[in-house]
Amino acid sequence: MSTQKKVDVSAFQKAKKGNYYCGDSYFYTETENEFVCAIADGLGSGEYAMESSRIVIDIIKSNIYTTVEQLVKKCNEKLFGKRGVVLGILKLDFKSHMYSFSSIGNIGVMRVTKDRKKKRNIPNAGYLAGYHRPFKVVQEKLEPETNFIMFSDGVSDRELSQGFLMNNDVDTIIKTYENTSDNLREDDTTLIVMRYKE
């Protein structure tokens, strides 16, 4: 059994200025057959936002082998009576060489291919709060040497247009982002860069 990682990952997270608690939570893991990454952003900010986003991440951690669609539905069910969240889930399937992604609310994902083409997915509108919500799951072919950049709404469009996002090294991207982005964040901020190497 190979223990060689197929995905390099680096992440940045910072709470909104003046807040101790960050309302964003994230998680990623790689198994032999797949890679899963999720960002949940609790509505508003502070402790209650963090509570909701952590509930969602705990559900994803416990159900990593289910489909993206099932994960979103399970998360939604558990949020009844809680503060809502916006959520993005990305899954890379190493066997089928496909990736699937769903985003509800303002969690974004951008793909940068080997030939430096950027593609940004349009999230589903709204948020999860225990009520039925239609949503779509994007499924596309997984190409080698592709960067996936996942982010919460604290990351600005201006920051996403920067050339350093084209770098092949995920740690360099995150370090450059840290050094060039605003120190005081207007919103909770999470940026995760993943590079599929196979």
N, C-alpha and C. Protein backbone atom coordinates (compact mmCIF):
# COMPACT_ATOMS: atom_id res chain seq x y z
N MET A 1 0.84 -1.20 0.00
CA MET A 1 0.00 0.00 0.00
C MET A 1 0.88 1.25 0.00
N SER A 2 0.62 2.16 -0.90
CA SER A 2 1.42 3.38 -1.01
C SER A 2 0.99 4.39 0.05
N THR A 3 2.00 5.00 0.70
CA THR A 3 1.67 6.05 1.67
C THR A 3 1.98 7.44 1.09
N GLN A 4 2.39 7.45 -0.16
CA GLN A 4 2.71 8.71 -0.83
C GLN A 4 1.44 9.55 -0.99
N LYS A 5 1.50 10.79 -0.51
CA LYS A 5 0.33 11.67 -0.62
C LYS A 5 0.13 12.11 -2.07
N LYS A 6 -1.12 12.15 -2.48
CA LYS A 6 -1.44 12.61 -3.84
C LYS A 6 -1.77 14.10 -3.86
N VAL A 7 -2.07 14.67 -2.68
CA VAL A 7 -2.49 16.07 -2.61
C VAL A 7 -1.65 16.82 -1.58
N ASP A 8 -1.02 17.91 -2.01
CA ASP A 8 -0.35 18.83 -1.08
C ASP A 8 -1.37 19.87 -0.62
N VAL A 9 -1.32 20.24 0.67
CA VAL A 9 -2.30 21.18 1.21
C VAL A 9 -1.62 22.22 2.10
N SER A 10 -2.07 23.46 1.99
CA SER A 10 -1.65 24.51 2.92
C SER A 10 -2.85 25.40 3.18
N ALA A 11 -2.94 25.92 4.41
CA ALA A 11 -4.14 26.69 4.78
C ALA A 11 -3.79 27.94 5.58
N PHE A 12 -4.64 28.94 5.45
CA PHE A 12 -4.55 30.19 6.20
C PHE A 12 -5.91 30.45 6.83
N GLN A 13 -5.91 30.85 8.11
CA GLN A 13 -7.19 31.22 8.74
C GLN A 13 -6.95 32.35 9.74
N LYS A 14 -7.88 33.31 9.73
CA LYS A 14 -7.79 34.42 10.68
C LYS A 14 -9.19 34.92 11.01
N ALA A 15 -9.41 35.21 12.29
CA ALA A 15 -10.72 35.73 12.73
C ALA A 15 -10.88 37.18 12.30
N LYS A 16 -12.13 37.59 12.17
CA LYS A 16 -12.48 38.99 11.88
C LYS A 16 -11.87 39.90 12.94
N LYS A 17 -11.47 41.09 12.54
CA LYS A 17 -10.82 42.00 13.49
C LYS A 17 -11.72 42.21 14.72
N GLY A 18 -11.11 42.17 15.88
CA GLY A 18 -11.84 42.37 17.14
C GLY A 18 -12.47 41.11 17.70
N ASN A 19 -12.43 40.00 16.96
CA ASN A 19 -13.05 38.75 17.44
C ASN A 19 -12.00 37.76 17.91
N TYR A 20 -12.31 37.08 19.01
CA TYR A 20 -11.45 36.01 19.49
C TYR A 20 -11.78 34.72 18.74
N TYR A 21 -13.09 34.45 18.57
CA TYR A 21 -13.53 33.23 17.90
C TYR A 21 -13.63 33.46 16.40
N CYS A 22 -13.20 32.45 15.64
CA CYS A 22 -13.37 32.50 14.19
C CYS A 22 -14.60 31.67 13.84
N GLY A 23 -15.53 32.25 13.09
CA GLY A 23 -16.76 31.56 12.71
C GLY A 23 -16.57 30.56 11.59
N ASP A 24 -15.38 30.54 10.98
CA ASP A 24 -15.05 29.57 9.94
C ASP A 24 -14.43 28.32 10.59
N SER A 25 -14.79 27.16 10.08
CA SER A 25 -14.10 25.92 10.45
C SER A 25 -13.76 25.18 9.16
N TYR A 26 -12.67 24.44 9.19
CA TYR A 26 -12.33 23.66 7.99
C TYR A 26 -11.74 22.32 8.39
N PHE A 27 -11.70 21.44 7.39
CA PHE A 27 -11.20 20.08 7.60
C PHE A 27 -10.76 19.52 6.26
N TYR A 28 -9.68 18.74 6.28
CA TYR A 28 -9.33 17.99 5.08
C TYR A 28 -8.66 16.69 5.50
N THR A 29 -8.80 15.68 4.65
CA THR A 29 -8.16 14.40 4.90
C THR A 29 -7.95 13.68 3.57
N GLU A 30 -6.93 12.85 3.55
CA GLU A 30 -6.66 12.03 2.36
C GLU A 30 -6.65 10.57 2.77
N THR A 31 -7.40 9.75 2.06
CA THR A 31 -7.38 8.30 2.27
C THR A 31 -6.73 7.67 1.02
N GLU A 32 -6.71 6.38 0.97
CA GLU A 32 -6.09 5.71 -0.18
C GLU A 32 -6.81 6.04 -1.48
N ASN A 33 -8.13 6.21 -1.40
CA ASN A 33 -8.93 6.37 -2.63
C ASN A 33 -9.45 7.77 -2.89
N GLU A 34 -9.39 8.65 -1.88
CA GLU A 34 -9.99 9.98 -2.11
C GLU A 34 -9.42 11.02 -1.16
N PHE A 35 -9.72 12.26 -1.52
CA PHE A 35 -9.34 13.41 -0.70
C PHE A 35 -10.60 14.23 -0.48
N VAL A 36 -10.82 14.69 0.75
CA VAL A 36 -12.00 15.48 1.07
C VAL A 36 -11.57 16.76 1.77
N CYS A 37 -12.15 17.88 1.36
CA CYS A 37 -11.89 19.15 2.03
C CYS A 37 -13.21 19.90 2.18
N ALA A 38 -13.38 20.58 3.32
CA ALA A 38 -14.61 21.35 3.54
C ALA A 38 -14.30 22.62 4.32
N ILE A 39 -15.01 23.68 3.96
CA ILE A 39 -15.01 24.92 4.75
C ILE A 39 -16.46 25.22 5.11
N ALA A 40 -16.71 25.46 6.40
CA ALA A 40 -18.04 25.89 6.86
C ALA A 40 -17.88 27.25 7.53
N ASP A 41 -18.76 28.16 7.20
CA ASP A 41 -18.72 29.52 7.74
C ASP A 41 -20.06 29.78 8.42
N GLY A 42 -20.03 29.85 9.76
CA GLY A 42 -21.25 30.13 10.52
C GLY A 42 -21.74 31.54 10.25
N LEU A 43 -23.04 31.72 10.09
CA LEU A 43 -23.58 33.05 9.80
C LEU A 43 -23.24 34.01 10.94
N GLY A 44 -22.94 35.25 10.56
CA GLY A 44 -22.51 36.23 11.56
C GLY A 44 -21.07 35.96 11.92
N SER A 45 -20.72 36.21 13.19
CA SER A 45 -19.35 35.94 13.64
C SER A 45 -19.39 35.62 15.13
N GLY A 46 -18.25 35.23 15.66
CA GLY A 46 -18.16 34.94 17.09
C GLY A 46 -18.50 33.51 17.46
N GLU A 47 -18.84 33.32 18.75
CA GLU A 47 -18.94 31.97 19.32
C GLU A 47 -20.05 31.12 18.71
N TYR A 48 -21.24 31.71 18.46
CA TYR A 48 -22.36 30.92 17.92
C TYR A 48 -22.10 30.54 16.46
N ALA A 49 -21.44 31.43 15.73
CA ALA A 49 -21.06 31.10 14.35
C ALA A 49 -20.08 29.94 14.36
N MET A 50 -19.14 29.97 15.29
CA MET A 50 -18.15 28.90 15.41
C MET A 50 -18.83 27.57 15.78
N GLU A 51 -19.81 27.62 16.69
CA GLU A 51 -20.51 26.40 17.10
C GLU A 51 -21.16 25.71 15.90
N SER A 52 -21.89 26.49 15.08
CA SER A 52 -22.55 25.90 13.91
C SER A 52 -21.55 25.34 12.91
N SER A 53 -20.48 26.09 12.66
CA SER A 53 -19.50 25.62 11.67
C SER A 53 -18.81 24.35 12.16
N ARG A 54 -18.60 24.23 13.46
CA ARG A 54 -17.95 23.03 14.01
C ARG A 54 -18.87 21.81 13.95
N ILE A 55 -20.16 22.02 14.17
CA ILE A 55 -21.13 20.92 14.05
C ILE A 55 -21.02 20.30 12.66
N VAL A 56 -21.00 21.16 11.67
CA VAL A 56 -20.93 20.71 10.26
C VAL A 56 -19.63 19.96 9.98
N ILE A 57 -18.53 20.50 10.44
CA ILE A 57 -17.23 19.84 10.20
C ILE A 57 -17.17 18.49 10.89
N ASP A 58 -17.74 18.38 12.10
CA ASP A 58 -17.76 17.09 12.80
C ASP A 58 -18.55 16.04 12.02
N ILE A 59 -19.66 16.46 11.42
CA ILE A 59 -20.47 15.53 10.60
C ILE A 59 -19.66 15.05 9.40
N ILE A 60 -18.96 15.96 8.75
CA ILE A 60 -18.16 15.60 7.57
C ILE A 60 -17.04 14.63 7.96
N LYS A 61 -16.37 14.91 9.09
CA LYS A 61 -15.30 14.02 9.56
C LYS A 61 -15.81 12.60 9.78
N SER A 62 -17.05 12.48 10.27
CA SER A 62 -17.62 11.17 10.60
C SER A 62 -18.21 10.46 9.38
N ASN A 63 -18.32 11.16 8.26
CA ASN A 63 -19.00 10.58 7.08
C ASN A 63 -18.21 10.78 5.79
N ILE A 64 -16.88 10.71 5.87
CA ILE A 64 -16.08 11.09 4.70
C ILE A 64 -16.29 10.19 3.49
N TYR A 65 -16.81 8.97 3.70
CA TYR A 65 -16.95 8.06 2.56
C TYR A 65 -18.28 8.22 1.83
N THR A 66 -19.14 9.11 2.29
CA THR A 66 -20.40 9.33 1.58
C THR A 66 -20.21 10.39 0.49
N THR A 67 -21.18 10.52 -0.38
CA THR A 67 -21.06 11.46 -1.50
C THR A 67 -21.19 12.90 -1.00
N VAL A 68 -20.76 13.84 -1.83
CA VAL A 68 -20.90 15.26 -1.50
C VAL A 68 -22.37 15.61 -1.26
N GLU A 69 -23.24 15.09 -2.09
CA GLU A 69 -24.67 15.36 -1.95
C GLU A 69 -25.19 14.89 -0.58
N GLN A 70 -24.81 13.66 -0.19
CA GLN A 70 -25.25 13.13 1.12
C GLN A 70 -24.67 13.94 2.27
N LEU A 71 -23.42 14.38 2.13
CA LEU A 71 -22.79 15.18 3.18
C LEU A 71 -23.55 16.49 3.40
N VAL A 72 -23.90 17.17 2.32
CA VAL A 72 -24.63 18.44 2.44
C VAL A 72 -25.97 18.20 3.13
N LYS A 73 -26.67 17.14 2.74
CA LYS A 73 -27.98 16.84 3.34
C LYS A 73 -27.86 16.53 4.83
N LYS A 74 -26.85 15.72 5.21
CA LYS A 74 -26.64 15.38 6.63
C LYS A 74 -26.33 16.64 7.45
N CYS A 75 -25.49 17.51 6.91
CA CYS A 75 -25.14 18.74 7.61
C CYS A 75 -26.37 19.61 7.81
N ASN A 76 -27.17 19.73 6.77
CA ASN A 76 -28.38 20.56 6.84
C ASN A 76 -29.33 20.07 7.94
N GLU A 77 -29.51 18.75 8.01
CA GLU A 77 -30.42 18.17 9.02
C GLU A 77 -30.00 18.55 10.45
N LYS A 78 -28.69 18.54 10.70
CA LYS A 78 -28.17 18.78 12.06
C LYS A 78 -28.24 20.24 12.47
N LEU A 79 -28.50 21.12 11.53
CA LEU A 79 -28.49 22.56 11.84
C LEU A 79 -29.85 23.10 12.24
N PHE A 80 -30.86 22.25 12.29
CA PHE A 80 -32.19 22.73 12.65
C PHE A 80 -32.14 23.35 14.06
N GLY A 81 -32.60 24.58 14.18
CA GLY A 81 -32.61 25.27 15.46
C GLY A 81 -31.29 25.93 15.82
N LYS A 82 -30.28 25.81 14.94
CA LYS A 82 -28.98 26.45 15.17
C LYS A 82 -28.83 27.63 14.23
N ARG A 83 -27.78 28.39 14.45
CA ARG A 83 -27.44 29.44 13.48
C ARG A 83 -26.98 28.75 12.20
N GLY A 84 -27.36 29.29 11.06
CA GLY A 84 -27.05 28.63 9.79
C GLY A 84 -25.59 28.73 9.41
N VAL A 85 -25.23 28.01 8.37
CA VAL A 85 -23.87 28.08 7.82
C VAL A 85 -23.92 28.14 6.30
N VAL A 86 -22.86 28.69 5.73
CA VAL A 86 -22.58 28.47 4.32
C VAL A 86 -21.47 27.42 4.28
N LEU A 87 -21.46 26.62 3.23
CA LEU A 87 -20.62 25.43 3.23
C LEU A 87 -20.09 25.11 1.84
N GLY A 88 -18.83 24.71 1.79
CA GLY A 88 -18.25 24.19 0.56
C GLY A 88 -17.59 22.85 0.84
N ILE A 89 -17.85 21.86 -0.01
CA ILE A 89 -17.22 20.54 0.13
C ILE A 89 -16.62 20.14 -1.22
N LEU A 90 -15.36 19.74 -1.19
CA LEU A 90 -14.66 19.28 -2.39
C LEU A 90 -14.20 17.85 -2.14
N LYS A 91 -14.42 16.99 -3.12
CA LYS A 91 -14.00 15.60 -3.01
C LYS A 91 -13.27 15.20 -4.29
N LEU A 92 -12.04 14.69 -4.15
CA LEU A 92 -11.28 14.18 -5.29
C LEU A 92 -11.30 12.65 -5.21
N ASP A 93 -11.75 12.02 -6.27
CA ASP A 93 -11.82 10.56 -6.31
C ASP A 93 -10.65 10.05 -7.16
N PHE A 94 -9.68 9.41 -6.50
CA PHE A 94 -8.47 8.97 -7.19
C PHE A 94 -8.73 7.80 -8.14
N LYS A 95 -9.76 7.01 -7.87
CA LYS A 95 -10.03 5.83 -8.70
C LYS A 95 -10.75 6.21 -10.00
N SER A 96 -11.78 7.05 -9.87
CA SER A 96 -12.53 7.43 -11.08
C SER A 96 -11.90 8.63 -11.79
N HIS A 97 -10.91 9.26 -11.15
CA HIS A 97 -10.27 10.48 -11.69
C HIS A 97 -11.31 11.57 -11.98
N MET A 98 -12.22 11.71 -11.00
CA MET A 98 -13.23 12.77 -11.06
C MET A 98 -13.16 13.56 -9.76
N TYR A 99 -13.59 14.83 -9.83
CA TYR A 99 -13.76 15.56 -8.58
C TYR A 99 -15.19 16.07 -8.52
N SER A 100 -15.71 16.21 -7.32
CA SER A 100 -17.06 16.76 -7.15
C SER A 100 -17.01 17.85 -6.08
N PHE A 101 -17.87 18.83 -6.26
CA PHE A 101 -17.86 20.00 -5.40
C PHE A 101 -19.27 20.55 -5.28
N SER A 102 -19.60 20.99 -4.07
CA SER A 102 -20.84 21.75 -3.89
C SER A 102 -20.58 22.88 -2.93
N SER A 103 -21.18 24.01 -3.21
CA SER A 103 -21.04 25.18 -2.36
C SER A 103 -22.40 25.83 -2.18
N ILE A 104 -22.77 26.01 -0.92
CA ILE A 104 -24.01 26.71 -0.61
C ILE A 104 -23.61 28.00 0.08
N GLY A 105 -23.96 29.13 -0.53
CA GLY A 105 -23.55 30.41 0.02
C GLY A 105 -22.21 30.83 -0.53
N ASN A 106 -21.50 31.65 0.25
CA ASN A 106 -20.32 32.30 -0.33
C ASN A 106 -18.99 31.60 -0.05
N ILE A 107 -18.98 30.28 -0.03
CA ILE A 107 -17.71 29.55 -0.04
C ILE A 107 -17.37 29.30 -1.50
N GLY A 108 -16.21 29.73 -1.91
CA GLY A 108 -15.85 29.61 -3.33
C GLY A 108 -14.79 28.55 -3.55
N VAL A 109 -14.73 28.10 -4.80
CA VAL A 109 -13.62 27.23 -5.21
C VAL A 109 -13.16 27.68 -6.59
N MET A 110 -11.84 27.71 -6.74
CA MET A 110 -11.26 28.07 -8.02
C MET A 110 -10.29 26.95 -8.38
N ARG A 111 -10.31 26.58 -9.64
CA ARG A 111 -9.40 25.56 -10.12
C ARG A 111 -8.38 26.21 -11.04
N VAL A 112 -7.10 25.86 -10.87
CA VAL A 112 -6.05 26.35 -11.77
C VAL A 112 -5.39 25.13 -12.38
N THR A 113 -5.50 25.00 -13.70
CA THR A 113 -4.99 23.81 -14.39
C THR A 113 -3.50 23.93 -14.67
N LYS A 114 -2.93 22.83 -15.13
CA LYS A 114 -1.49 22.77 -15.44
C LYS A 114 -1.09 23.86 -16.44
N ASP A 115 -1.98 24.16 -17.40
CA ASP A 115 -1.67 25.21 -18.38
C ASP A 115 -2.14 26.60 -17.91
N ARG A 116 -2.30 26.75 -16.57
CA ARG A 116 -2.55 28.04 -15.90
C ARG A 116 -3.89 28.67 -16.26
N LYS A 117 -4.86 27.84 -16.58
CA LYS A 117 -6.22 28.35 -16.82
C LYS A 117 -6.99 28.34 -15.50
N LYS A 118 -7.63 29.47 -15.19
CA LYS A 118 -8.41 29.57 -13.95
C LYS A 118 -9.89 29.35 -14.24
N LYS A 119 -10.55 28.62 -13.36
CA LYS A 119 -12.00 28.47 -13.47
C LYS A 119 -12.59 28.59 -12.07
N ARG A 120 -13.53 29.52 -11.92
CA ARG A 120 -14.14 29.73 -10.60
C ARG A 120 -15.59 29.26 -10.65
N ASN A 121 -15.97 28.41 -9.71
CA ASN A 121 -17.34 27.90 -9.68
C ASN A 121 -18.29 28.91 -9.05
N ILE A 122 -19.52 28.90 -9.53
CA ILE A 122 -20.57 29.77 -8.98
C ILE A 122 -21.29 28.99 -7.87
N PRO A 123 -21.27 29.51 -6.63
CA PRO A 123 -21.94 28.78 -5.55
C PRO A 123 -23.46 28.80 -5.69
N ASN A 124 -24.14 27.85 -5.03
CA ASN A 124 -25.59 27.88 -4.89
C ASN A 124 -25.94 29.00 -3.92
N ALA A 125 -27.05 29.67 -4.15
CA ALA A 125 -27.45 30.78 -3.28
C ALA A 125 -27.95 30.27 -1.93
N GLY A 126 -27.89 31.12 -0.91
CA GLY A 126 -28.51 30.81 0.37
C GLY A 126 -27.55 30.23 1.39
N TYR A 127 -28.12 29.51 2.36
CA TYR A 127 -27.33 28.90 3.43
C TYR A 127 -28.09 27.69 3.98
N LEU A 128 -27.41 26.89 4.79
CA LEU A 128 -28.03 25.71 5.40
C LEU A 128 -28.49 26.06 6.81
N ALA A 129 -29.74 25.73 7.14
CA ALA A 129 -30.24 25.99 8.49
C ALA A 129 -31.32 24.98 8.88
N GLY A 130 -31.25 23.77 8.31
CA GLY A 130 -32.20 22.73 8.69
C GLY A 130 -33.41 22.61 7.80
N TYR A 131 -33.57 23.55 6.87
CA TYR A 131 -34.73 23.52 5.97
C TYR A 131 -34.32 22.97 4.61
N HIS A 132 -35.26 22.36 3.91
CA HIS A 132 -34.95 21.80 2.59
C HIS A 132 -34.45 22.90 1.66
N ARG A 133 -33.35 22.61 0.99
CA ARG A 133 -32.76 23.59 0.08
C ARG A 133 -32.23 22.87 -1.15
N PRO A 134 -32.71 23.23 -2.33
CA PRO A 134 -32.15 22.60 -3.52
C PRO A 134 -30.70 23.08 -3.75
N PHE A 135 -29.86 22.21 -4.22
CA PHE A 135 -28.48 22.59 -4.50
C PHE A 135 -27.93 21.65 -5.57
N LYS A 136 -26.91 22.11 -6.26
CA LYS A 136 -26.31 21.27 -7.30
C LYS A 136 -24.90 20.86 -6.89
N VAL A 137 -24.46 19.73 -7.40
CA VAL A 137 -23.09 19.24 -7.20
C VAL A 137 -22.40 19.26 -8.56
N VAL A 138 -21.29 19.95 -8.65
CA VAL A 138 -20.49 19.99 -9.88
C VAL A 138 -19.59 18.77 -9.89
N GLN A 139 -19.54 18.07 -11.02
CA GLN A 139 -18.65 16.91 -11.14
C GLN A 139 -17.88 17.03 -12.46
N GLU A 140 -16.55 16.98 -12.36
CA GLU A 140 -15.71 17.13 -13.54
C GLU A 140 -14.50 16.23 -13.46
N LYS A 141 -13.81 16.10 -14.59
CA LYS A 141 -12.61 15.24 -14.68
C LYS A 141 -11.49 15.84 -13.84
N LEU A 142 -10.78 14.98 -13.13
CA LEU A 142 -9.66 15.38 -12.29
C LEU A 142 -8.36 15.28 -13.08
N GLU A 143 -7.77 16.43 -13.36
CA GLU A 143 -6.54 16.47 -14.16
C GLU A 143 -5.32 16.55 -13.23
N PRO A 144 -4.21 15.87 -13.61
CA PRO A 144 -2.99 15.98 -12.80
C PRO A 144 -2.47 17.41 -12.77
N GLU A 145 -1.70 17.72 -11.72
CA GLU A 145 -1.06 19.04 -11.54
C GLU A 145 -2.08 20.17 -11.58
N THR A 146 -3.17 19.96 -10.88
CA THR A 146 -4.22 20.99 -10.77
C THR A 146 -4.23 21.54 -9.35
N ASN A 147 -4.33 22.87 -9.24
CA ASN A 147 -4.51 23.51 -7.93
C ASN A 147 -6.00 23.75 -7.71
N PHE A 148 -6.47 23.45 -6.52
CA PHE A 148 -7.82 23.80 -6.09
C PHE A 148 -7.67 24.81 -4.96
N ILE A 149 -8.33 25.95 -5.10
CA ILE A 149 -8.25 27.01 -4.10
C ILE A 149 -9.65 27.21 -3.54
N MET A 150 -9.81 26.94 -2.25
CA MET A 150 -11.11 27.05 -1.59
C MET A 150 -11.03 28.19 -0.59
N PHE A 151 -12.11 28.98 -0.48
CA PHE A 151 -12.01 30.19 0.34
C PHE A 151 -13.37 30.63 0.87
N SER A 152 -13.33 31.24 2.04
CA SER A 152 -14.54 31.86 2.60
C SER A 152 -14.61 33.31 2.14
N ASP A 153 -15.69 34.01 2.52
CA ASP A 153 -15.93 35.34 1.96
C ASP A 153 -14.97 36.42 2.50
N GLY A 154 -14.10 36.06 3.46
CA GLY A 154 -13.09 37.02 3.90
C GLY A 154 -12.01 37.25 2.86
N VAL A 155 -11.90 36.35 1.87
CA VAL A 155 -10.91 36.49 0.79
C VAL A 155 -11.56 37.34 -0.31
N SER A 156 -10.90 38.44 -0.67
CA SER A 156 -11.51 39.38 -1.62
C SER A 156 -11.23 38.98 -3.07
N ASP A 157 -12.05 39.50 -3.98
CA ASP A 157 -11.84 39.27 -5.42
C ASP A 157 -10.48 39.79 -5.85
N ARG A 158 -10.09 40.92 -5.28
CA ARG A 158 -8.78 41.50 -5.63
C ARG A 158 -7.67 40.52 -5.26
N GLU A 159 -7.78 39.91 -4.07
CA GLU A 159 -6.76 38.94 -3.64
C GLU A 159 -6.76 37.70 -4.52
N LEU A 160 -7.94 37.30 -4.99
CA LEU A 160 -8.04 36.10 -5.83
C LEU A 160 -7.50 36.32 -7.24
N SER A 161 -7.29 37.57 -7.62
CA SER A 161 -6.79 37.84 -8.98
C SER A 161 -5.25 37.89 -9.02
N GLN A 162 -4.62 37.70 -7.87
CA GLN A 162 -3.15 37.83 -7.81
C GLN A 162 -2.45 36.68 -8.53
N GLY A 163 -1.32 36.99 -9.14
CA GLY A 163 -0.55 36.00 -9.91
C GLY A 163 0.04 34.89 -9.08
N PHE A 164 0.30 35.15 -7.78
CA PHE A 164 0.96 34.10 -6.96
C PHE A 164 0.09 32.86 -6.79
N LEU A 165 -1.20 32.96 -7.07
CA LEU A 165 -2.08 31.79 -6.97
C LEU A 165 -1.76 30.73 -8.03
N MET A 166 -0.96 31.11 -9.03
CA MET A 166 -0.56 30.18 -10.09
C MET A 166 0.64 29.32 -9.68
N ASN A 167 1.24 29.62 -8.53
CA ASN A 167 2.44 28.90 -8.10
C ASN A 167 2.15 27.41 -7.92
N ASN A 168 3.18 26.57 -8.14
CA ASN A 168 3.01 25.13 -7.97
C ASN A 168 3.15 24.68 -6.52
N ASP A 169 3.73 25.55 -5.67
CA ASP A 169 3.99 25.18 -4.29
C ASP A 169 2.92 25.80 -3.38
N VAL A 170 2.15 24.93 -2.71
CA VAL A 170 1.00 25.42 -1.91
C VAL A 170 1.46 26.27 -0.73
N ASP A 171 2.59 25.91 -0.11
CA ASP A 171 3.08 26.69 1.04
C ASP A 171 3.50 28.09 0.61
N THR A 172 4.11 28.19 -0.56
CA THR A 172 4.51 29.51 -1.08
C THR A 172 3.29 30.39 -1.32
N ILE A 173 2.23 29.80 -1.87
CA ILE A 173 0.99 30.56 -2.11
C ILE A 173 0.45 31.12 -0.79
N ILE A 174 0.36 30.27 0.23
CA ILE A 174 -0.20 30.71 1.52
C ILE A 174 0.70 31.75 2.19
N LYS A 175 2.03 31.53 2.15
CA LYS A 175 2.95 32.51 2.76
C LYS A 175 2.85 33.86 2.06
N THR A 176 2.76 33.84 0.73
CA THR A 176 2.65 35.10 -0.03
C THR A 176 1.34 35.78 0.30
N TYR A 177 0.26 35.00 0.41
CA TYR A 177 -1.04 35.57 0.78
C TYR A 177 -0.96 36.24 2.16
N GLU A 178 -0.35 35.54 3.12
CA GLU A 178 -0.21 36.11 4.47
C GLU A 178 0.55 37.42 4.45
N ASN A 179 1.60 37.48 3.64
CA ASN A 179 2.47 38.66 3.62
C ASN A 179 1.88 39.83 2.84
N THR A 180 0.94 39.55 1.93
CA THR A 180 0.42 40.63 1.08
C THR A 180 -1.02 41.03 1.42
N SER A 181 -1.74 40.20 2.19
CA SER A 181 -3.14 40.52 2.47
C SER A 181 -3.24 41.45 3.67
N ASP A 182 -4.41 42.03 3.85
CA ASP A 182 -4.64 42.96 4.96
C ASP A 182 -4.50 42.23 6.29
N ASN A 183 -3.81 42.86 7.22
CA ASN A 183 -3.60 42.24 8.53
C ASN A 183 -4.89 42.21 9.35
N LEU A 184 -5.67 43.28 9.27
CA LEU A 184 -6.95 43.32 9.97
C LEU A 184 -8.04 42.88 9.00
N ARG A 185 -8.66 41.74 9.27
CA ARG A 185 -9.64 41.19 8.35
C ARG A 185 -11.02 41.76 8.63
N GLU A 186 -11.73 42.11 7.55
CA GLU A 186 -13.10 42.63 7.67
C GLU A 186 -14.10 41.51 7.93
N ASP A 187 -13.69 40.28 7.69
CA ASP A 187 -14.55 39.12 7.92
C ASP A 187 -13.65 37.95 8.30
N ASP A 188 -14.24 36.93 8.94
CA ASP A 188 -13.48 35.69 9.17
C ASP A 188 -12.96 35.21 7.82
N THR A 189 -11.70 34.78 7.80
CA THR A 189 -11.05 34.45 6.53
C THR A 189 -10.42 33.06 6.58
N THR A 190 -10.76 32.24 5.61
CA THR A 190 -10.10 30.93 5.44
C THR A 190 -9.73 30.77 3.97
N LEU A 191 -8.48 30.39 3.73
CA LEU A 191 -8.00 30.11 2.38
C LEU A 191 -7.24 28.79 2.44
N ILE A 192 -7.67 27.84 1.61
CA ILE A 192 -7.00 26.53 1.56
C ILE A 192 -6.57 26.28 0.11
N VAL A 193 -5.29 25.94 -0.06
CA VAL A 193 -4.77 25.64 -1.39
C VAL A 193 -4.37 24.18 -1.43
N MET A 194 -4.89 23.46 -2.43
CA MET A 194 -4.61 22.03 -2.59
C MET A 194 -4.05 21.79 -3.99
N ARG A 195 -3.03 20.97 -4.06
CA ARG A 195 -2.46 20.63 -5.37
C ARG A 195 -2.52 19.13 -5.57
N TYR A 196 -3.26 18.72 -6.59
CA TYR A 196 -3.35 17.30 -6.95
C TYR A 196 -2.18 16.99 -7.86
N LYS A 197 -1.29 16.08 -7.42
CA LYS A 197 0.00 15.88 -8.10
C LYS A 197 0.02 14.73 -9.08
N GLU A 198 -0.88 13.76 -8.92
CA GLU A 198 -0.80 12.52 -9.71
C GLU A 198 -0.88 12.78 -11.20
